[in-house]
Every structure is written in C-alpha cells, then in structure tokens.
Protein backbone atom coordinates (compact mmCIF):
# COMPACT_ATOMS: atom_id res chain seq x y z
CA MET A 1 -196.57 255.51 174.18
CA GLN A 2 -200.20 255.02 173.13
CA LEU A 3 -199.83 257.68 170.43
CA LEU A 4 -196.70 255.97 169.11
CA ARG A 5 -198.57 252.66 169.09
CA LEU A 6 -201.41 254.17 167.03
CA ILE A 7 -198.99 255.79 164.57
CA HIS A 8 -197.05 252.53 164.24
CA ALA A 9 -200.25 250.56 163.64
CA TYR A 10 -201.86 252.78 161.02
CA VAL A 11 -198.71 253.72 159.13
CA GLY A 12 -197.84 250.01 159.11
CA LEU A 13 -201.26 249.22 157.64
CA ALA A 14 -200.72 251.86 154.96
CA VAL A 15 -197.35 250.54 153.78
CA GLY A 16 -197.51 246.86 154.80
CA VAL A 17 -198.68 245.32 151.52
CA ILE A 18 -196.25 247.44 149.46
CA LEU A 19 -193.40 246.50 151.79
CA ALA A 20 -194.33 242.83 151.39
CA LEU A 21 -194.21 243.25 147.61
CA TYR A 22 -190.73 244.70 147.89
CA ALA A 23 -189.59 241.87 150.14
CA ILE A 24 -190.94 239.16 147.82
CA THR A 25 -189.66 240.70 144.59
CA GLY A 26 -186.34 241.77 146.10
CA GLY A 27 -185.70 238.31 147.51
CA ALA A 28 -186.50 236.72 144.13
CA LEU A 29 -184.24 239.16 142.27
CA LEU A 30 -181.28 237.93 144.30
CA PHE A 31 -181.47 234.92 141.98
CA LYS A 32 -181.84 236.93 138.76
CA ASP A 33 -178.58 235.74 137.21
CA GLU A 34 -179.37 232.12 138.07
CA ILE A 35 -182.81 232.45 136.45
CA TRP A 36 -181.24 233.95 133.33
CA ARG A 37 -178.66 231.18 133.05
CA MET A 38 -181.42 228.58 133.28
CA GLN A 39 -183.34 230.32 130.49
CA TYR A 40 -180.40 231.17 128.24
CA PRO A 41 -177.54 228.62 128.29
CA GLU A 42 -175.40 231.01 126.19
CA LEU A 43 -174.83 233.08 129.33
CA LYS A 44 -172.82 230.22 130.84
CA ALA A 45 -170.06 230.63 128.23
CA GLU A 46 -166.58 231.29 129.56
CA LEU A 47 -165.89 234.98 130.00
CA HIS A 48 -162.87 236.37 128.18
CA ALA A 49 -161.18 239.75 128.26
CA ALA A 50 -162.68 241.49 125.25
CA ALA A 51 -160.51 243.77 123.14
CA PRO A 52 -161.62 247.32 122.26
CA SER A 53 -162.39 246.12 118.73
CA GLU A 54 -164.84 243.54 120.12
CA HIS A 55 -166.59 246.07 122.33
CA ALA A 56 -166.82 248.52 119.44
CA ALA A 57 -168.30 245.84 117.18
CA ALA A 58 -170.87 244.89 119.84
CA PHE A 59 -171.88 248.52 120.41
CA ARG A 60 -172.20 249.03 116.67
CA GLN A 61 -174.38 245.94 116.27
CA ALA A 62 -176.59 246.94 119.21
CA LEU A 63 -177.23 250.39 117.74
CA LYS A 64 -177.95 248.77 114.37
CA ASN A 65 -180.42 246.32 115.95
CA PHE A 66 -182.28 249.13 117.73
CA PRO A 67 -182.30 252.19 115.46
CA ASP A 68 -184.97 253.88 117.57
CA GLY A 69 -182.47 254.34 120.36
CA VAL A 70 -180.34 252.56 122.93
CA ASN A 71 -180.05 253.87 126.48
CA ALA A 72 -177.17 251.70 127.68
CA ILE A 73 -175.15 248.60 126.84
CA LYS A 74 -173.58 246.58 129.65
CA VAL A 75 -170.58 244.49 128.65
CA PRO A 76 -170.29 240.78 129.54
CA ARG A 77 -169.54 240.02 133.19
CA ASP A 78 -169.12 237.06 135.49
CA GLY A 79 -172.29 234.99 135.37
CA VAL A 80 -173.75 236.81 132.37
CA SER A 81 -171.52 236.29 129.33
CA ALA A 82 -173.49 238.56 127.00
CA TYR A 83 -173.97 242.20 126.08
CA HIS A 84 -177.06 243.51 127.88
CA VAL A 85 -178.86 246.20 125.90
CA TYR A 86 -181.38 248.61 127.45
CA THR A 87 -183.86 250.50 125.26
CA ASP A 88 -186.98 252.56 125.91
CA ASP A 89 -189.11 249.57 124.95
CA GLY A 90 -187.28 246.83 126.83
CA GLU A 91 -184.05 244.88 127.00
CA ALA A 92 -182.04 242.40 124.96
CA LEU A 93 -179.07 240.07 125.29
CA LEU A 94 -176.45 239.80 122.53
CA ASN A 95 -174.04 236.89 122.19
CA ALA A 96 -170.61 237.87 123.51
CA HIS A 97 -168.81 236.26 120.55
CA ASP A 98 -170.80 236.99 117.38
CA TYR A 99 -173.21 239.67 118.76
CA SER A 100 -176.25 237.75 117.52
CA MET A 101 -179.53 238.22 119.37
CA ILE A 102 -180.02 235.78 122.24
CA TYR A 103 -183.35 237.19 123.37
CA GLN A 104 -185.30 240.44 123.30
CA TRP A 105 -188.13 241.29 125.67
CA ARG A 106 -190.34 243.91 127.25
CA TRP A 107 -190.69 244.01 131.01
CA ASN A 108 -194.06 242.25 131.04
CA GLN A 109 -192.84 239.30 128.95
CA THR A 110 -190.45 237.69 131.42
CA LEU A 111 -190.49 236.73 135.10
CA THR A 112 -187.40 238.78 135.91
CA GLY A 113 -188.84 241.73 133.98
CA VAL A 114 -192.05 241.70 136.02
CA LEU A 115 -190.12 241.29 139.28
CA SER A 116 -187.82 244.18 138.38
CA GLU A 117 -190.63 246.50 137.29
CA VAL A 118 -192.62 245.89 140.47
CA HIS A 119 -189.56 246.21 142.71
CA PHE A 120 -188.13 249.33 141.07
CA HIS A 121 -191.24 251.22 139.94
CA LEU A 122 -194.38 249.53 141.30
CA VAL A 123 -195.49 249.46 137.64
CA ALA A 124 -195.92 253.23 137.85
CA ALA A 125 -192.73 254.60 136.29
CA ASP A 126 -191.00 257.43 138.15
CA ALA A 127 -193.99 258.10 140.41
CA GLY A 128 -193.89 254.51 141.64
CA LYS A 129 -190.18 254.82 142.30
CA LYS A 130 -190.76 257.86 144.50
CA VAL A 131 -193.57 256.09 146.36
CA GLY A 132 -191.09 253.30 147.02
CA GLY A 133 -188.66 255.79 148.52
CA VAL A 134 -191.33 257.12 150.88
CA VAL A 135 -192.35 253.57 151.86
CA ALA A 136 -188.71 252.72 152.52
CA LEU A 137 -188.24 255.72 154.82
CA ALA A 138 -191.49 254.94 156.62
CA SER A 139 -190.45 251.30 157.07
CA ALA A 140 -187.14 252.26 158.65
CA LEU A 141 -188.93 254.55 161.10
CA LEU A 142 -191.54 251.87 161.83
CA ALA A 143 -188.78 249.41 162.74
CA LEU A 144 -187.25 251.89 165.19
CA ALA A 145 -190.67 252.65 166.68
CA GLY A 146 -191.31 248.91 166.98
CA VAL A 147 -188.18 248.48 169.08
CA VAL A 148 -189.41 251.22 171.44
CA LEU A 149 -192.84 249.57 171.70
CA TRP A 150 -191.33 246.12 172.24
CA TRP A 151 -189.01 247.14 175.06
CA PRO A 152 -191.60 247.08 177.89
CA THR A 153 -192.62 243.53 176.85
CA ARG A 154 -189.07 242.21 176.38
CA ARG A 155 -189.27 239.73 179.28
CA SER A 156 -192.08 237.83 177.56
CA PHE A 157 -189.96 237.15 174.47
CA ARG A 158 -189.28 233.45 173.76
CA LEU A 159 -187.28 232.49 170.70
CA ARG A 160 -188.96 229.09 170.37
CA ARG A 161 -192.37 230.75 170.17
CA VAL A 162 -191.54 233.28 167.45
CA PRO A 163 -193.61 231.57 164.69
CA ALA A 164 -197.35 231.98 165.22
CA GLN A 165 -199.03 228.91 166.67
CA SER A 166 -202.30 229.77 164.91
CA LEU A 167 -203.95 232.52 162.89
CA ARG A 168 -205.62 234.04 165.92
CA ARG A 169 -205.15 237.77 166.18
CA GLY A 170 -203.10 237.54 169.38
CA GLU A 171 -200.71 235.03 167.83
CA LEU A 172 -200.31 237.12 164.69
CA LEU A 173 -199.55 240.23 166.72
CA ARG A 174 -197.02 238.36 168.84
CA MET A 175 -195.30 236.97 165.74
CA HIS A 176 -195.30 240.45 164.19
CA ARG A 177 -193.71 241.87 167.35
CA ASP A 178 -191.10 239.11 167.76
CA PHE A 179 -190.14 238.90 164.09
CA GLY A 180 -189.92 242.68 164.16
CA ILE A 181 -187.42 242.78 166.99
CA LEU A 182 -185.33 239.98 165.50
CA SER A 183 -185.31 241.71 162.13
CA ALA A 184 -185.16 245.36 163.17
CA VAL A 185 -181.59 245.75 161.97
CA SER A 186 -182.47 244.13 158.63
CA VAL A 187 -185.52 246.35 158.13
CA VAL A 188 -183.57 249.52 158.89
CA LEU A 189 -180.61 248.43 156.74
CA PHE A 190 -182.54 247.44 153.63
CA SER A 191 -185.12 250.22 153.96
CA ALA A 192 -182.55 252.96 154.53
CA THR A 193 -180.35 251.79 151.67
CA ALA A 194 -183.39 251.56 149.38
CA ALA A 195 -184.32 255.14 150.21
CA GLY A 196 -180.70 256.16 149.66
CA VAL A 197 -180.66 254.57 146.21
CA ILE A 198 -183.98 256.13 145.20
CA PHE A 199 -183.09 259.56 146.57
CA TYR A 200 -179.41 259.23 145.70
CA PRO A 201 -178.62 262.93 145.07
CA GLN A 202 -180.02 263.85 148.48
CA ALA A 203 -178.34 260.90 150.24
CA SER A 204 -175.03 261.69 148.55
CA ALA A 205 -175.29 265.35 149.50
CA ILE A 206 -175.96 264.44 153.15
CA LEU A 207 -173.04 262.00 153.30
CA ASN A 208 -170.71 264.44 151.58
CA GLY A 209 -171.78 267.17 153.95
CA LEU A 210 -171.03 264.93 156.93
CA PHE A 211 -167.76 263.33 155.82
CA SER A 212 -166.21 265.25 152.93
CA GLU A 213 -164.18 268.40 152.69
CA ARG A 214 -164.75 268.81 148.96
CA ALA A 215 -167.52 268.17 146.47
CA PRO A 216 -167.37 265.04 144.30
CA ASP A 217 -166.32 265.40 140.69
CA ALA A 218 -169.14 266.10 138.27
CA LEU A 219 -169.51 266.32 134.51
CA THR A 220 -167.98 269.68 133.58
CA VAL A 221 -167.35 269.46 129.83
CA THR A 222 -169.72 271.37 127.63
CA ALA A 223 -171.91 268.90 125.78
CA ALA A 224 -172.51 270.38 122.35
CA ALA A 225 -176.17 270.00 121.46
CA ASN A 226 -177.75 268.74 118.26
CA ILE A 227 -174.90 266.53 117.08
CA PRO A 228 -176.34 264.78 114.00
CA GLU A 229 -176.31 260.97 114.18
CA PRO A 230 -173.14 260.50 116.27
CA GLY A 231 -173.24 256.73 115.73
CA ALA A 232 -171.42 254.06 117.73
CA PRO A 233 -167.96 254.71 119.15
CA THR A 234 -165.09 253.56 116.96
CA GLU A 235 -162.45 251.05 117.98
CA ASP A 236 -160.02 253.93 118.50
CA GLN A 237 -162.47 255.73 120.79
CA VAL A 238 -163.05 252.60 122.89
CA THR A 239 -159.27 252.13 123.08
CA VAL A 240 -158.79 255.71 124.25
CA ALA A 241 -161.54 255.34 126.86
CA MET A 242 -160.12 252.09 128.25
CA ALA A 243 -156.60 253.57 128.35
CA ALA A 244 -157.85 256.54 130.39
CA LEU A 245 -158.59 254.26 133.38
CA PRO A 246 -156.21 251.32 132.85
CA GLN A 247 -156.71 249.90 136.33
CA ALA A 248 -160.50 249.83 136.00
CA ARG A 249 -162.83 247.47 134.12
CA LEU A 250 -165.27 248.69 131.49
CA ILE A 251 -168.82 248.06 132.70
CA ALA A 252 -171.14 249.81 130.27
CA TYR A 253 -171.44 252.22 127.39
CA TYR A 254 -174.08 254.97 127.10
CA PRO A 255 -174.63 256.49 123.64
CA PRO A 256 -175.00 260.26 123.25
CA SER A 257 -178.43 261.60 124.15
CA ASP A 258 -180.31 264.88 123.94
CA SER A 259 -179.11 265.87 127.42
CA ARG A 260 -175.54 264.55 127.05
CA ALA A 261 -174.10 264.67 123.54
CA LEU A 262 -171.06 262.64 124.59
CA HIS A 263 -169.94 259.04 124.48
CA TYR A 264 -170.09 257.89 128.12
CA PHE A 265 -168.07 254.86 129.22
CA ARG A 266 -168.67 253.60 132.75
CA PHE A 267 -165.88 251.83 134.64
CA ARG A 268 -165.31 250.09 137.94
CA HIS A 269 -162.09 249.98 139.95
CA LEU A 270 -161.45 246.82 141.94
CA ASP A 271 -161.79 248.78 145.20
CA GLU A 272 -165.13 250.35 144.23
CA PRO A 273 -168.03 248.69 146.11
CA HIS A 274 -170.65 249.56 143.50
CA PRO A 275 -170.97 246.58 141.10
CA ASN A 276 -171.45 248.92 138.14
CA GLY A 277 -168.74 251.33 139.23
CA ARG A 278 -168.98 255.10 139.45
CA SER A 279 -165.92 255.96 137.38
CA ALA A 280 -166.48 257.47 133.95
CA VAL A 281 -164.74 258.51 130.75
CA TYR A 282 -166.38 260.94 128.32
CA LEU A 283 -165.49 261.48 124.65
CA ARG A 284 -167.03 263.79 122.10
CA PRO A 285 -168.36 262.10 118.97
CA GLY A 286 -165.82 262.29 116.17
CA GLU A 287 -162.88 262.89 118.52
CA ASN A 288 -160.24 260.40 119.65
CA PHE A 289 -159.21 262.12 122.87
CA VAL A 290 -160.76 262.21 126.32
CA ALA A 291 -163.07 265.08 127.19
CA GLN A 292 -163.23 264.26 130.91
CA VAL A 293 -162.33 261.46 133.33
CA ILE A 294 -164.04 260.86 136.69
CA ASP A 295 -162.12 258.45 138.93
CA ALA A 296 -164.52 257.28 141.65
CA SER A 297 -161.70 255.62 143.60
CA GLN A 298 -160.42 259.15 144.32
CA ALA A 299 -163.82 260.52 145.31
CA PRO A 300 -164.27 262.26 148.68
CA ALA A 301 -165.15 260.11 151.70
CA GLY A 302 -168.85 260.94 151.66
CA GLU A 303 -169.23 259.99 148.01
CA ARG A 304 -167.37 256.72 148.58
CA ALA A 305 -169.76 256.00 151.46
CA ALA A 306 -172.72 256.66 149.16
CA GLN A 307 -171.33 254.06 146.75
CA PHE A 308 -172.14 251.38 149.34
CA LEU A 309 -175.90 252.09 149.28
CA TYR A 310 -176.80 250.02 146.22
CA PRO A 311 -174.48 247.02 146.81
CA LEU A 312 -175.64 246.76 150.43
CA HIS A 313 -179.27 246.85 149.37
CA ALA A 314 -178.88 244.40 146.47
CA ALA A 315 -176.46 242.05 148.30
CA MET A 316 -173.75 242.73 145.73
CA ILE A 317 -170.99 242.61 148.34
CA GLY A 318 -170.22 240.37 151.29
CA GLY A 319 -170.24 237.08 149.40
CA LYS A 320 -172.52 234.15 150.11
CA ALA A 321 -172.88 234.96 153.81
CA TYR A 322 -174.38 238.39 153.13
CA THR A 323 -176.56 236.97 150.36
CA ALA A 324 -177.93 234.40 152.82
CA PHE A 325 -178.55 237.22 155.30
CA ALA A 326 -180.40 239.18 152.59
CA ILE A 327 -182.58 236.18 151.72
CA ALA A 328 -183.46 235.59 155.38
CA SER A 329 -184.18 239.30 155.77
CA ALA A 330 -186.52 239.28 152.77
CA VAL A 331 -188.50 236.40 154.30
CA ALA A 332 -188.64 238.08 157.71
CA ILE A 333 -189.65 241.46 156.30
CA GLY A 334 -192.39 239.77 154.29
CA VAL A 335 -193.72 238.09 157.44
CA ILE A 336 -193.65 241.35 159.38
CA ALA A 337 -195.29 243.32 156.57
CA LEU A 338 -198.16 240.85 156.14
CA SER A 339 -198.78 239.75 159.72
CA GLY A 340 -199.73 243.25 160.86
CA PRO A 341 -202.46 243.83 158.25
CA LEU A 342 -203.65 240.23 158.69
CA ALA A 343 -204.04 240.76 162.42
CA TYR A 344 -206.03 243.92 161.69
CA LEU A 345 -208.33 242.00 159.33
CA ARG A 346 -208.85 239.33 161.98
CA ARG A 347 -209.86 242.06 164.39
CA ARG A 348 -212.33 243.49 161.88
CA SER A 349 -213.83 240.09 161.10
CA ARG A 350 -214.25 239.36 164.81
CA ARG A 351 -216.07 242.66 165.29
CA SER A 352 -218.30 241.98 162.29
CA GLY A 353 -219.21 238.56 163.67
CA SER A 354 -220.04 239.83 167.14
C-alpha cells in the first residue's frame, strides 16, 4: 500500500498541473457556442435547410477566399448558423445566406481559439496531443488508485467537511482525498474518453475486437494522385452526395488533398451519437457518381461503441443534465489536480522554514 501511495503521489505531481489545464479549458469550451453567439450575432440567425446549390456556392466561395488551401468546411448547424472553414492558418465563419466573411482568425487571436489549442494540443501540435493522451490514461489510473487508498479511511469521510477549512497541508490533502472519491467516476469517464479520442484507432480496434464480428468499413476506392486543381464540388456533385445518404444530414465537406484525391462529404444519421457523424460519401473530382459510401449507422457494434467516446467527453449527448454533470466534473477535477501539488508545496515550505 505504501508503494501505491508513493506512485499515486509522484505521478499525480507530474500530471496535476496539466490535468488542471484540461479541466479549466474543457469546462470553458462547453460554452463555446454561447461565446461565439455573443461575439457574432449573425450566428443567431434562423437555421434553414440549405439546398445543394447553396452548399455548393458556399464551398466555392470558401475555396476562393482561401486559395492556399482549405482543410474542411462545416455546414451551418443549430446554434451556429454559419459555414465554419478550417485552414492551415486558422479558421473563419461565412454568412449562411450570402457567404460573406463574418470573421477570420488564428488560434491565438480569440479566447475560444486559445482554449481549444491548449485543450487539444497543449500548444505543441501533435506532440502535445499525444502528451495529453498519456496524461489522460495516467489520470484514469490515478483515480482508481485513489479509491484503493481511500478505502481504509472511508469511515472518516464527512460530506459536510469536503471543502478545505484552510490552506494547511492536512486540510488540502483531506480535500484532495474526499473530492477524489466523490469524483472518481467523473475522472475515469472523462480521462478514459479523452484517451480514446486521442488514440482513436487503437481504442476502436480494441472495442471492435471485443464486440464485433467484422471489421468496420474503410475507404477502399483508389484515390488517383496528382489531380490538377480539382476545385470545389459542383451543385450536381453535392446533390449526388446528399442523395446517397438521404436519411442523414450533411455535416461537413473536405476538399481533395494530397493523401485523398476525392471529394469527401461527412454525414450524420439521427441515431449516430457522434455530433459530426461518421458516415461518409466520396466522389472523384469531375465525376457525378458516388465512388464509395460508408454508412456508420450500419457499423459493427464495436465501432458504434467507439462513436460514443467524443460525445461523452465533450458533453455532446445527454442534454442539459449531462452538461451540468460535465461542468461540475470539470470543477471537481480542477480542485483535485491542484490540491495535490499545493499540498506538496506546503510540505516543502514547512520543511524550508524549519
């Protein structure tokens, strides 16, 4: 038990501040749409069912506005009535009606951009994302270890005394322990789903291995390389793509790239938990027929289970009750993550003063 206590203490010190950053930024990002609507009143406009011609015109305008390259274009949705454009240099919002520029920014120019960059990448690109995955796995294991360490002291637990009565080391440790036991499920849930999102191929493979009898559908069409200037999809191509999955809603469009010389349209069925959907339609540039369709609603059980990772982590399902739970969890995780290191610093300062 003493060895487990030492491991819990020093691993917690190593990841505590990073975990607190995730809790603070993640909790704030739950209000991202509300922040946007305060900044840009155009996003409050009534959402209408756009025709293929409107989507095609918006995609064309986005590619014209950003000739150096567009990574993705999300179509208007509830709460954000605008086309959301992602480029290598930043993001932009286009008016849903006339496709004029609402605002263009780089990540370090807006509050939500900074929050997102810290939460997703720790301002360190792909390396920061992988560090986040390791921290998430460590945090889930720390929570489980904390439950084991708490069990012998369970009779001393008093709900009314959970908040620290002072900043003395003993009080901080007690608050860390009690908040930890009250929030153990939250820590495991949000940490495990974060790790699953970051290491999605591995998580999906594990879940498919456990629950599926067949592999999920994958992109199988041959993507011809070096297609010169494929341009935006035409109205006919958008029509064909939307007709391929008539029961699903178009979520985003991804222009052809060096690794995928295909028009990629992303869809979401009503019964898909992922807010961005996992269904897809692919068309070759210059052709008005479907190259491949992936219907995520027909995916094997393990893949459908993997689709819950992101919405569970980002509180994109469960309505207001789950959102409230996520907010409370973010606060509790922040308290846990900071109280441990703070107690350690109090111990060091006491030794220095003795």
